[in-house]
Amino acid sequence: MGLTGRLSDHDLTALFQRLTGRDWRQVHRRHAFAGGVAPDGRRRFGAVRETIMAVLEQAGCELRVRDIQQGVEELLGEPVSRSSVKAYLRRDARRRTPLFENRGRRGYRLRR
């Protein structure tokens, strides 16, 4: 039994017809950001790690976390959380093949 006249919902009928039709089109999305910070505040993957490595390589000796963090901010040109720098250094120094060496109070250095 089909509904007609007053009892039918024309808006709902039109919606169902659009949903069951085969002419769907995907919304065009912009490409991901090329560099720097994304519109939602995220940096590209690995940007902080690469910058930490560059800071330690330029120094050529061990640096404390605050000095590394300051160098990362200077190279990136924006603030970086000290806790994220510290966490990356600690985590990577404990890997099976670490990139950094923890030198205790003297700080971290790039492992060669």
C-alpha atoms as a PDB file:
ATOM      1  CA  MET A   1       0.000   0.000   0.000  1.00  0.00           C
ATOM      2  CA  GLY A   2       1.522   3.318  -1.013  1.00  0.00           C
ATOM      3  CA  LEU A   3       0.891   6.602   0.704  1.00  0.00           C
ATOM      4  CA  THR A   4      -0.409   9.421  -1.403  1.00  0.00           C
ATOM      5  CA  GLY A   5      -1.694  12.895  -0.867  1.00  0.00           C
ATOM      6  CA  ARG A   6      -1.684  14.252   2.685  1.00  0.00           C
ATOM      7  CA  LEU A   7      -0.199  11.163   4.324  1.00  0.00           C
ATOM      8  CA  SER A   8       3.000  11.031   2.243  1.00  0.00           C
ATOM      9  CA  ASP A   9       6.178  12.864   3.185  1.00  0.00           C
ATOM     10  CA  HIS A  10       7.496  14.443  -0.002  1.00  0.00           C
ATOM     11  CA  ASP A  11      10.805  15.559   1.556  1.00  0.00           C
ATOM     12  CA  LEU A  12      11.535  12.068   2.866  1.00  0.00           C
ATOM     13  CA  THR A  13      10.605  10.524  -0.478  1.00  0.00           C
ATOM     14  CA  ALA A  14      13.018  12.865  -2.281  1.00  0.00           C
ATOM     15  CA  LEU A  15      15.766  12.054   0.215  1.00  0.00           C
ATOM     16  CA  PHE A  16      15.352   8.315  -0.271  1.00  0.00           C
ATOM     17  CA  GLN A  17      15.405   8.731  -4.028  1.00  0.00           C
ATOM     18  CA  ARG A  18      18.689  10.647  -3.824  1.00  0.00           C
ATOM     19  CA  LEU A  19      20.216   8.056  -1.497  1.00  0.00           C
ATOM     20  CA  THR A  20      19.231   5.118  -3.660  1.00  0.00           C
ATOM     21  CA  GLY A  21      20.351   6.804  -6.883  1.00  0.00           C
ATOM     22  CA  ARG A  22      23.755   5.901  -8.352  1.00  0.00           C
ATOM     23  CA  ASP A  23      24.972   9.439  -9.066  1.00  0.00           C
ATOM     24  CA  TRP A  24      26.904   9.948  -5.829  1.00  0.00           C
ATOM     25  CA  ARG A  25      29.867  12.270  -5.951  1.00  0.00           C
ATOM     26  CA  GLN A  26      32.613  12.471  -3.405  1.00  0.00           C
ATOM     27  CA  VAL A  27      33.358  15.856  -1.930  1.00  0.00           C
ATOM     28  CA  HIS A  28      36.613  17.264  -3.260  1.00  0.00           C
ATOM     29  CA  ARG A  29      39.108  17.700  -0.426  1.00  0.00           C
ATOM     30  CA  ARG A  30      42.135  19.905  -0.412  1.00  0.00           C
ATOM     31  CA  HIS A  31      45.515  18.231  -0.436  1.00  0.00           C
ATOM     32  CA  ALA A  32      47.424  17.904   2.809  1.00  0.00           C
ATOM     33  CA  PHE A  33      49.533  20.873   3.857  1.00  0.00           C
ATOM     34  CA  ALA A  34      52.950  21.117   2.245  1.00  0.00           C
ATOM     35  CA  GLY A  35      54.950  22.140   5.311  1.00  0.00           C
ATOM     36  CA  GLY A  36      54.825  23.988   8.565  1.00  0.00           C
ATOM     37  CA  VAL A  37      51.836  23.647  10.833  1.00  0.00           C
ATOM     38  CA  ALA A  38      48.544  22.206   9.563  1.00  0.00           C
ATOM     39  CA  PRO A  39      45.349  24.229   9.983  1.00  0.00           C
ATOM     40  CA  ASP A  40      44.468  22.116  13.022  1.00  0.00           C
ATOM     41  CA  GLY A  41      47.840  22.832  14.694  1.00  0.00           C
ATOM     42  CA  ARG A  42      49.706  19.619  13.893  1.00  0.00           C
ATOM     43  CA  ARG A  43      53.181  19.560  12.398  1.00  0.00           C
ATOM     44  CA  ARG A  44      54.134  17.135   9.666  1.00  0.00           C
ATOM     45  CA  PHE A  45      55.154  13.698  10.870  1.00  0.00           C
ATOM     46  CA  GLY A  46      58.762  13.545  12.077  1.00  0.00           C
ATOM     47  CA  ALA A  47      59.390  17.304  11.982  1.00  0.00           C
ATOM     48  CA  VAL A  48      60.396  17.544  15.647  1.00  0.00           C
ATOM     49  CA  ARG A  49      62.592  14.426  15.437  1.00  0.00           C
ATOM     50  CA  GLU A  50      64.452  15.735  12.404  1.00  0.00           C
ATOM     51  CA  THR A  51      64.918  19.108  14.075  1.00  0.00           C
ATOM     52  CA  ILE A  52      66.246  17.521  17.294  1.00  0.00           C
ATOM     53  CA  MET A  53      68.767  15.589  15.222  1.00  0.00           C
ATOM     54  CA  ALA A  54      69.792  18.769  13.380  1.00  0.00           C
ATOM     55  CA  VAL A  55      70.275  20.680  16.661  1.00  0.00           C
ATOM     56  CA  LEU A  56      72.450  17.920  18.144  1.00  0.00           C
ATOM     57  CA  GLU A  57      74.413  17.544  14.919  1.00  0.00           C
ATOM     58  CA  GLN A  58      75.154  21.285  14.778  1.00  0.00           C
ATOM     59  CA  ALA A  59      76.234  21.289  18.427  1.00  0.00           C
ATOM     60  CA  GLY A  60      78.615  18.362  18.023  1.00  0.00           C
ATOM     61  CA  CYS A  61      78.499  17.669  21.773  1.00  0.00           C
ATOM     62  CA  GLU A  62      75.935  16.817  24.428  1.00  0.00           C
ATOM     63  CA  LEU A  63      73.180  19.316  25.188  1.00  0.00           C
ATOM     64  CA  ARG A  64      70.645  19.545  27.973  1.00  0.00           C
ATOM     65  CA  VAL A  65      66.959  19.162  27.164  1.00  0.00           C
ATOM     66  CA  ARG A  66      66.216  22.862  27.612  1.00  0.00           C
ATOM     67  CA  ASP A  67      69.007  23.777  25.173  1.00  0.00           C
ATOM     68  CA  ILE A  68      67.760  21.225  22.648  1.00  0.00           C
ATOM     69  CA  GLN A  69      64.211  22.519  23.017  1.00  0.00           C
ATOM     70  CA  GLN A  70      65.384  26.100  22.524  1.00  0.00           C
ATOM     71  CA  GLY A  71      67.303  25.098  19.393  1.00  0.00           C
ATOM     72  CA  VAL A  72      64.276  23.228  18.022  1.00  0.00           C
ATOM     73  CA  GLU A  73      62.095  26.303  18.529  1.00  0.00           C
ATOM     74  CA  GLU A  74      64.638  28.513  16.757  1.00  0.00           C
ATOM     75  CA  LEU A  75      64.879  26.186  13.757  1.00  0.00           C
ATOM     76  CA  LEU A  76      61.118  25.610  13.472  1.00  0.00           C
ATOM     77  CA  GLY A  77      60.273  29.233  14.199  1.00  0.00           C
ATOM     78  CA  GLU A  78      57.443  28.347  16.579  1.00  0.00           C
ATOM     79  CA  PRO A  79      57.010  27.145  20.159  1.00  0.00           C
ATOM     80  CA  VAL A  80      57.526  23.454  20.878  1.00  0.00           C
ATOM     81  CA  SER A  81      56.553  21.730  24.105  1.00  0.00           C
ATOM     82  CA  ARG A  82      59.562  20.804  26.230  1.00  0.00           C
ATOM     83  CA  SER A  83      57.742  17.659  27.310  1.00  0.00           C
ATOM     84  CA  SER A  84      57.435  16.447  23.710  1.00  0.00           C
ATOM     85  CA  VAL A  85      61.172  16.991  23.121  1.00  0.00           C
ATOM     86  CA  LYS A  86      62.021  15.285  26.405  1.00  0.00           C
ATOM     87  CA  ALA A  87      59.710  12.345  25.722  1.00  0.00           C
ATOM     88  CA  TYR A  88      61.162  11.797  22.261  1.00  0.00           C
ATOM     89  CA  LEU A  89      64.731  11.892  23.572  1.00  0.00           C
ATOM     90  CA  ARG A  90      63.982   9.434  26.384  1.00  0.00           C
ATOM     91  CA  ARG A  91      62.013   7.068  24.184  1.00  0.00           C
ATOM     92  CA  ASP A  92      64.601   7.031  21.416  1.00  0.00           C
ATOM     93  CA  ALA A  93      67.561   6.617  23.789  1.00  0.00           C
ATOM     94  CA  ARG A  94      65.983   3.329  24.974  1.00  0.00           C
ATOM     95  CA  ARG A  95      65.391   1.825  21.519  1.00  0.00           C
ATOM     96  CA  ARG A  96      67.227  -1.259  20.318  1.00  0.00           C
ATOM     97  CA  THR A  97      69.271   0.943  17.969  1.00  0.00           C
ATOM     98  CA  PRO A  98      69.130   4.396  19.598  1.00  0.00           C
ATOM     99  CA  LEU A  99      69.851   7.652  17.770  1.00  0.00           C
ATOM    100  CA  PHE A 100      70.621   9.516  21.002  1.00  0.00           C
ATOM    101  CA  GLU A 101      72.766   8.757  24.003  1.00  0.00           C
ATOM    102  CA  ASN A 102      71.743   9.901  27.471  1.00  0.00           C
ATOM    103  CA  ARG A 103      74.811  11.348  29.212  1.00  0.00           C
ATOM    104  CA  GLY A 104      73.115  11.868  32.578  1.00  0.00           C
ATOM    105  CA  ARG A 105      73.275  15.450  33.873  1.00  0.00           C
ATOM    106  CA  ARG A 106      75.322  16.516  30.875  1.00  0.00           C
ATOM    107  CA  GLY A 107      72.354  15.873  28.605  1.00  0.00           C
ATOM    108  CA  TYR A 108      71.930  14.023  25.338  1.00  0.00           C
ATOM    109  CA  ARG A 109      74.160  13.637  22.328  1.00  0.00           C
ATOM    110  CA  LEU A 110      73.715  12.197  18.871  1.00  0.00           C
ATOM    111  CA  ARG A 111      74.920   8.616  18.732  1.00  0.00           C
ATOM    112  CA  ARG A 112      77.257   7.956  15.850  1.00  0.00           C
END
